[in-house]
N, C-alpha and C. Protein backbone atom coordinates (compact mmCIF):
# COMPACT_ATOMS: atom_id res chain seq x y z
N MET A 1 -9.86 -6.69 -15.04
CA MET A 1 -8.32 -6.93 -14.65
C MET A 1 -7.74 -7.66 -15.65
N LYS A 2 -6.50 -7.20 -15.85
CA LYS A 2 -5.69 -7.79 -16.94
C LYS A 2 -4.52 -8.73 -16.14
N ILE A 3 -4.03 -9.71 -16.83
CA ILE A 3 -2.85 -10.55 -16.33
C ILE A 3 -1.90 -10.38 -17.44
N ALA A 4 -0.51 -10.12 -16.87
CA ALA A 4 0.49 -9.94 -17.69
C ALA A 4 1.67 -10.51 -17.20
N PRO A 5 2.65 -11.19 -17.93
CA PRO A 5 3.84 -11.76 -17.44
C PRO A 5 4.81 -10.58 -17.34
N LEU A 6 5.78 -10.90 -16.21
CA LEU A 6 6.60 -9.88 -15.82
C LEU A 6 7.66 -9.37 -17.01
N ALA A 7 8.04 -10.32 -17.85
CA ALA A 7 8.94 -9.91 -19.03
C ALA A 7 8.30 -8.94 -19.87
N GLU A 8 6.95 -9.03 -20.20
CA GLU A 8 6.27 -8.06 -21.06
C GLU A 8 6.08 -6.81 -20.25
N VAL A 9 5.73 -6.80 -19.01
CA VAL A 9 5.45 -5.51 -18.37
C VAL A 9 6.92 -4.81 -18.21
N LYS A 10 7.86 -5.38 -18.08
CA LYS A 10 9.30 -4.90 -18.04
C LYS A 10 9.65 -4.23 -19.35
N ASP A 11 9.32 -4.90 -20.44
CA ASP A 11 9.47 -4.31 -21.76
C ASP A 11 8.49 -3.10 -22.11
N ARG A 12 7.43 -2.98 -21.70
CA ARG A 12 6.35 -1.85 -22.01
C ARG A 12 5.87 -1.37 -20.74
N LEU A 13 6.73 -0.98 -19.79
CA LEU A 13 6.17 -0.44 -18.40
C LEU A 13 5.38 0.45 -18.52
N SER A 14 5.81 1.60 -19.39
CA SER A 14 4.97 2.87 -19.32
C SER A 14 3.54 2.61 -19.97
N ALA A 15 3.47 1.62 -20.98
CA ALA A 15 2.05 1.45 -21.57
C ALA A 15 1.39 0.62 -20.22
N TYR A 16 2.01 -0.12 -19.46
CA TYR A 16 1.24 -0.90 -18.60
C TYR A 16 0.69 0.27 -17.40
N ILE A 17 1.65 1.14 -17.12
CA ILE A 17 1.20 2.11 -16.09
C ILE A 17 0.08 2.89 -16.63
N ASP A 18 -0.04 3.27 -17.99
CA ASP A 18 -1.18 4.01 -18.40
C ASP A 18 -2.37 3.14 -18.31
N ALA A 19 -2.21 1.83 -18.75
CA ALA A 19 -3.30 0.90 -18.69
C ALA A 19 -3.85 0.59 -17.18
N ALA A 20 -3.02 0.65 -16.21
CA ALA A 20 -3.44 0.40 -14.96
C ALA A 20 -4.33 1.62 -14.24
N LYS A 21 -4.44 2.72 -15.12
CA LYS A 21 -5.24 3.89 -14.85
C LYS A 21 -6.84 3.32 -14.93
N GLU A 22 -6.92 2.42 -15.80
CA GLU A 22 -8.31 1.88 -16.12
C GLU A 22 -8.74 0.72 -15.31
N SER A 23 -7.64 -0.24 -15.07
CA SER A 23 -7.83 -1.51 -14.27
C SER A 23 -6.60 -2.03 -13.84
N ALA A 24 -6.61 -2.44 -12.60
CA ALA A 24 -5.32 -3.14 -12.04
C ALA A 24 -4.82 -4.35 -12.95
N ILE A 25 -3.51 -4.47 -12.76
CA ILE A 25 -2.91 -5.52 -13.71
C ILE A 25 -2.09 -6.43 -12.87
N VAL A 26 -2.53 -7.63 -12.86
CA VAL A 26 -1.65 -8.75 -12.08
C VAL A 26 -0.48 -9.12 -12.93
N VAL A 27 0.81 -9.04 -12.40
CA VAL A 27 2.00 -9.31 -12.96
C VAL A 27 2.35 -10.69 -12.37
N THR A 28 2.69 -11.65 -13.45
CA THR A 28 3.18 -12.90 -13.16
C THR A 28 4.61 -13.33 -13.52
N ARG A 29 5.05 -14.17 -12.82
CA ARG A 29 6.38 -14.68 -13.12
C ARG A 29 6.28 -16.24 -13.15
N ASN A 30 6.63 -16.87 -14.33
CA ASN A 30 6.47 -18.33 -14.35
C ASN A 30 5.06 -18.50 -13.96
N GLY A 31 4.01 -17.94 -14.68
CA GLY A 31 2.64 -18.22 -14.46
C GLY A 31 2.03 -17.89 -13.06
N LYS A 32 2.88 -17.56 -12.15
CA LYS A 32 2.28 -17.27 -10.66
C LYS A 32 2.23 -15.73 -10.34
N PRO A 33 1.06 -15.17 -9.65
CA PRO A 33 1.02 -13.84 -9.43
C PRO A 33 2.09 -13.44 -8.52
N VAL A 34 2.86 -12.38 -8.78
CA VAL A 34 3.80 -11.85 -7.81
C VAL A 34 3.84 -10.29 -7.63
N ALA A 35 2.85 -9.65 -8.30
CA ALA A 35 2.69 -8.24 -8.09
C ALA A 35 1.24 -7.68 -8.76
N LEU A 36 0.90 -6.57 -8.21
CA LEU A 36 -0.31 -5.99 -8.52
C LEU A 36 0.11 -4.51 -9.03
N LEU A 37 -0.08 -4.25 -10.34
CA LEU A 37 0.23 -2.87 -10.78
C LEU A 37 -1.11 -2.07 -10.78
N THR A 38 -1.31 -1.01 -9.85
CA THR A 38 -2.43 -0.21 -9.84
C THR A 38 -2.06 1.20 -9.90
N ALA A 39 -2.87 2.06 -10.58
CA ALA A 39 -2.67 3.40 -10.52
C ALA A 39 -2.83 4.14 -9.32
N ILE A 40 -1.95 5.09 -8.94
CA ILE A 40 -2.12 6.09 -7.88
C ILE A 40 -2.45 7.39 -8.45
N LEU A 41 -3.89 7.76 -8.32
CA LEU A 41 -4.44 8.88 -8.64
C LEU A 41 -4.33 10.11 -7.99
N GLU A 42 -4.40 9.90 -6.58
CA GLU A 42 -4.39 10.99 -5.73
C GLU A 42 -3.35 10.59 -4.71
N ASP A 43 -2.94 11.52 -3.86
CA ASP A 43 -2.15 11.28 -2.66
C ASP A 43 -2.74 10.36 -1.77
N ASP A 44 -3.92 10.65 -1.51
CA ASP A 44 -4.72 9.77 -0.62
C ASP A 44 -4.87 8.40 -1.02
N ASP A 45 -4.70 7.90 -2.33
CA ASP A 45 -4.57 6.57 -2.77
C ASP A 45 -3.30 5.96 -2.31
N LEU A 46 -2.25 6.80 -2.43
CA LEU A 46 -1.03 6.08 -1.98
C LEU A 46 -0.82 5.82 -0.43
N ALA A 47 -1.49 6.71 0.21
CA ALA A 47 -1.42 6.55 1.64
C ALA A 47 -2.47 5.35 1.99
N SER A 48 -3.55 5.27 1.52
CA SER A 48 -4.34 4.14 1.69
C SER A 48 -3.94 2.62 1.35
N LEU A 49 -3.12 2.61 0.19
CA LEU A 49 -2.38 1.54 -0.33
C LEU A 49 -1.27 1.17 0.70
N LEU A 50 -0.58 2.17 1.12
CA LEU A 50 0.53 1.70 2.17
C LEU A 50 -0.02 1.12 3.48
N LEU A 51 -1.16 1.87 3.91
CA LEU A 51 -1.72 1.27 5.10
C LEU A 51 -2.27 -0.02 5.09
N THR A 52 -3.05 -0.27 3.86
CA THR A 52 -3.44 -1.50 3.50
C THR A 52 -2.40 -2.61 3.73
N HIS A 53 -1.25 -2.44 3.27
CA HIS A 53 -0.22 -3.44 3.55
C HIS A 53 0.85 -3.32 4.77
N ASP A 54 0.29 -2.40 5.53
CA ASP A 54 1.22 -2.34 6.68
C ASP A 54 0.88 -3.27 7.79
N ARG A 55 1.74 -4.07 8.25
CA ARG A 55 1.43 -5.04 9.25
C ARG A 55 1.11 -4.32 10.54
N ARG A 56 1.95 -3.46 10.86
CA ARG A 56 1.65 -2.82 12.13
C ARG A 56 0.23 -2.18 12.20
N PHE A 57 -0.14 -1.42 11.13
CA PHE A 57 -1.41 -0.83 11.12
C PHE A 57 -2.47 -1.83 11.23
N ILE A 58 -2.34 -2.95 10.49
CA ILE A 58 -3.40 -4.06 10.42
C ILE A 58 -3.55 -4.59 11.97
N ARG A 59 -2.32 -4.87 12.64
CA ARG A 59 -2.33 -5.33 13.87
C ARG A 59 -3.29 -4.29 14.78
N LEU A 60 -2.96 -3.11 14.62
CA LEU A 60 -3.57 -2.05 15.42
C LEU A 60 -5.13 -2.04 15.03
N LEU A 61 -5.56 -2.29 13.87
CA LEU A 61 -6.99 -2.28 13.56
C LEU A 61 -7.64 -3.66 14.30
N GLU A 62 -6.80 -4.75 14.11
CA GLU A 62 -7.33 -6.03 14.83
C GLU A 62 -7.50 -5.82 16.29
N ARG A 63 -6.70 -5.20 16.96
CA ARG A 63 -6.85 -4.82 18.42
C ARG A 63 -7.80 -4.18 18.69
N ALA A 64 -8.05 -3.03 17.82
CA ALA A 64 -9.24 -2.06 18.07
C ALA A 64 -10.48 -2.86 18.09
N ARG A 65 -10.62 -3.71 16.82
CA ARG A 65 -11.92 -4.32 16.59
C ARG A 65 -12.32 -5.47 17.92
N GLU A 66 -11.16 -6.04 18.45
CA GLU A 66 -11.30 -6.91 19.65
C GLU A 66 -11.79 -6.01 20.75
N ARG A 67 -11.32 -4.75 20.94
CA ARG A 67 -11.64 -3.79 22.15
C ARG A 67 -13.36 -3.31 21.80
N VAL A 68 -13.67 -3.19 20.49
CA VAL A 68 -15.00 -2.88 20.32
C VAL A 68 -16.03 -3.98 20.64
N HIS A 69 -15.62 -5.06 20.31
CA HIS A 69 -16.37 -6.30 20.55
C HIS A 69 -16.47 -6.58 21.87
N ALA A 70 -15.55 -6.05 22.69
CA ALA A 70 -15.41 -6.36 24.30
C ALA A 70 -16.15 -5.19 24.98
N GLY A 71 -16.74 -4.08 24.12
CA GLY A 71 -17.33 -2.96 24.62
C GLY A 71 -16.30 -1.84 25.28
N GLN A 72 -15.05 -1.96 24.83
CA GLN A 72 -14.20 -0.93 25.24
C GLN A 72 -13.79 -0.14 24.07
N TYR A 73 -14.41 0.90 24.05
CA TYR A 73 -14.15 1.96 23.08
C TYR A 73 -14.64 3.29 23.40
N LEU A 74 -14.16 4.31 22.56
CA LEU A 74 -14.38 5.60 22.79
C LEU A 74 -15.56 6.07 22.24
N THR A 75 -16.35 6.98 22.49
CA THR A 75 -17.30 7.78 21.74
C THR A 75 -16.82 8.57 20.72
N ASN A 76 -17.47 9.03 19.84
CA ASN A 76 -16.94 10.15 18.91
C ASN A 76 -16.46 11.19 19.56
N GLU A 77 -17.10 11.72 20.44
CA GLU A 77 -16.59 13.01 21.27
C GLU A 77 -15.40 12.82 22.04
N GLN A 78 -15.30 11.46 22.62
CA GLN A 78 -13.96 11.17 23.40
C GLN A 78 -12.84 11.06 22.39
N PHE A 79 -13.02 10.44 21.25
CA PHE A 79 -12.15 10.21 20.25
C PHE A 79 -11.44 11.50 19.75
N GLY A 80 -12.42 12.51 19.53
CA GLY A 80 -12.08 13.85 18.99
C GLY A 80 -11.18 14.64 19.87
N ARG A 81 -11.40 14.38 21.29
CA ARG A 81 -10.61 15.09 22.11
C ARG A 81 -9.16 14.35 22.44
N ASN A 82 -9.16 13.21 22.31
CA ASN A 82 -7.99 12.28 22.52
C ASN A 82 -7.37 11.61 21.42
N SER A 83 -7.44 12.07 20.29
CA SER A 83 -7.01 11.37 19.13
C SER A 83 -5.43 11.54 18.85
N ASP A 84 -4.81 10.51 19.04
CA ASP A 84 -3.26 10.49 18.64
C ASP A 84 -3.33 9.74 17.09
N VAL A 85 -4.41 9.22 16.59
CA VAL A 85 -4.26 8.53 15.60
C VAL A 85 -4.36 9.25 14.23
N ALA A 86 -4.84 10.36 14.51
CA ALA A 86 -5.09 11.28 13.12
C ALA A 86 -4.15 11.37 12.29
N GLY A 87 -2.72 11.49 12.67
CA GLY A 87 -1.60 11.55 11.71
C GLY A 87 -0.93 10.19 11.42
N LEU A 88 -1.41 9.08 11.86
CA LEU A 88 -0.84 7.89 11.73
C LEU A 88 -0.50 7.55 10.23
N GLY A 89 -1.60 7.68 9.35
CA GLY A 89 -1.38 7.42 7.78
C GLY A 89 -0.33 8.15 7.34
N ASP A 90 -0.39 9.51 7.61
CA ASP A 90 0.97 10.47 7.03
C ASP A 90 2.21 9.98 7.58
N GLU A 91 2.21 9.60 8.83
CA GLU A 91 3.57 9.17 9.38
C GLU A 91 3.92 7.95 8.85
N ILE A 92 3.05 6.87 8.46
CA ILE A 92 3.49 5.56 7.83
C ILE A 92 3.78 5.89 6.46
N LEU A 93 3.24 6.66 5.66
CA LEU A 93 3.58 7.22 4.37
C LEU A 93 5.00 7.74 4.56
N ARG A 94 5.34 8.67 5.48
CA ARG A 94 6.70 9.52 5.43
C ARG A 94 7.78 8.41 5.66
N ARG A 95 7.45 7.53 6.61
CA ARG A 95 8.40 6.25 6.89
C ARG A 95 8.73 5.46 5.71
N ARG A 96 7.64 5.06 5.02
CA ARG A 96 7.78 4.09 3.77
C ARG A 96 8.67 5.08 2.75
N LEU A 97 8.40 6.30 2.54
CA LEU A 97 9.09 7.06 1.57
C LEU A 97 10.68 7.18 1.96
N ARG A 98 10.90 7.36 3.22
CA ARG A 98 12.21 7.53 3.79
C ARG A 98 12.81 6.34 3.58
N ALA A 99 12.30 5.02 3.75
CA ALA A 99 12.77 3.72 3.63
C ALA A 99 13.25 3.57 2.21
N ARG A 100 12.34 4.01 1.29
CA ARG A 100 12.65 3.68 -0.31
C ARG A 100 13.75 4.72 -0.70
N ALA A 101 14.09 5.64 0.14
CA ALA A 101 15.17 6.66 -0.43
C ALA A 101 16.42 6.33 0.24
N SER A 102 16.46 5.00 0.72
CA SER A 102 17.68 4.55 1.48
C SER A 102 18.75 4.24 0.32
N PRO A 103 19.98 4.05 0.65
CA PRO A 103 21.21 4.09 -0.19
C PRO A 103 21.06 2.85 -1.16
N MET A 104 20.19 1.71 -0.71
CA MET A 104 19.81 0.65 -1.73
C MET A 104 18.64 1.08 -2.61
N THR A 105 18.79 1.43 -3.86
CA THR A 105 17.92 1.98 -4.56
C THR A 105 16.88 1.07 -5.06
N ARG A 106 15.63 1.43 -5.49
CA ARG A 106 14.72 0.56 -6.10
C ARG A 106 15.20 -0.13 -7.35
N SER A 107 15.93 0.66 -8.11
CA SER A 107 16.29 -0.11 -9.42
C SER A 107 17.36 -1.01 -9.30
N SER A 108 18.08 -0.93 -8.24
CA SER A 108 19.14 -2.11 -8.02
C SER A 108 18.41 -3.41 -7.71
N THR A 109 17.30 -3.23 -6.95
CA THR A 109 16.68 -4.44 -6.48
C THR A 109 15.88 -5.07 -7.67
N LEU A 110 15.48 -4.27 -8.53
CA LEU A 110 14.67 -4.67 -9.62
C LEU A 110 15.55 -5.44 -10.74
N ALA A 111 16.87 -4.80 -10.69
CA ALA A 111 17.68 -5.49 -11.71
C ALA A 111 18.01 -7.15 -11.43
N ASN A 112 17.60 -7.50 -10.40
CA ASN A 112 17.86 -8.93 -9.99
C ASN A 112 16.77 -9.72 -10.65
N ASP A 113 15.63 -9.26 -11.22
CA ASP A 113 14.34 -9.97 -11.63
C ASP A 113 14.76 -10.75 -12.94
């Protein structure tokens, strides 16, 4: 894993994106980590990354783990028949992408760095 200052990453973003295909890059500002640059090689990678950082999904997992520990869970067969969760990752991905397409563009927020 490489560590690079934000100013350098901004100046050479394309090169850092290419380098991130090999290993994640920690971006720092004033010596403190502020971001992680990682490659998205497949659509599944993006969905997984978004779910990993989605607070609602994390709370859902925590509640599910608590129910399993309490013995309140579905068998695989029951889950297959009653699954409302199957499209959750895709739905979160769609919501995130719609939010990013809002009138406030990503470039305008980055300009403040």
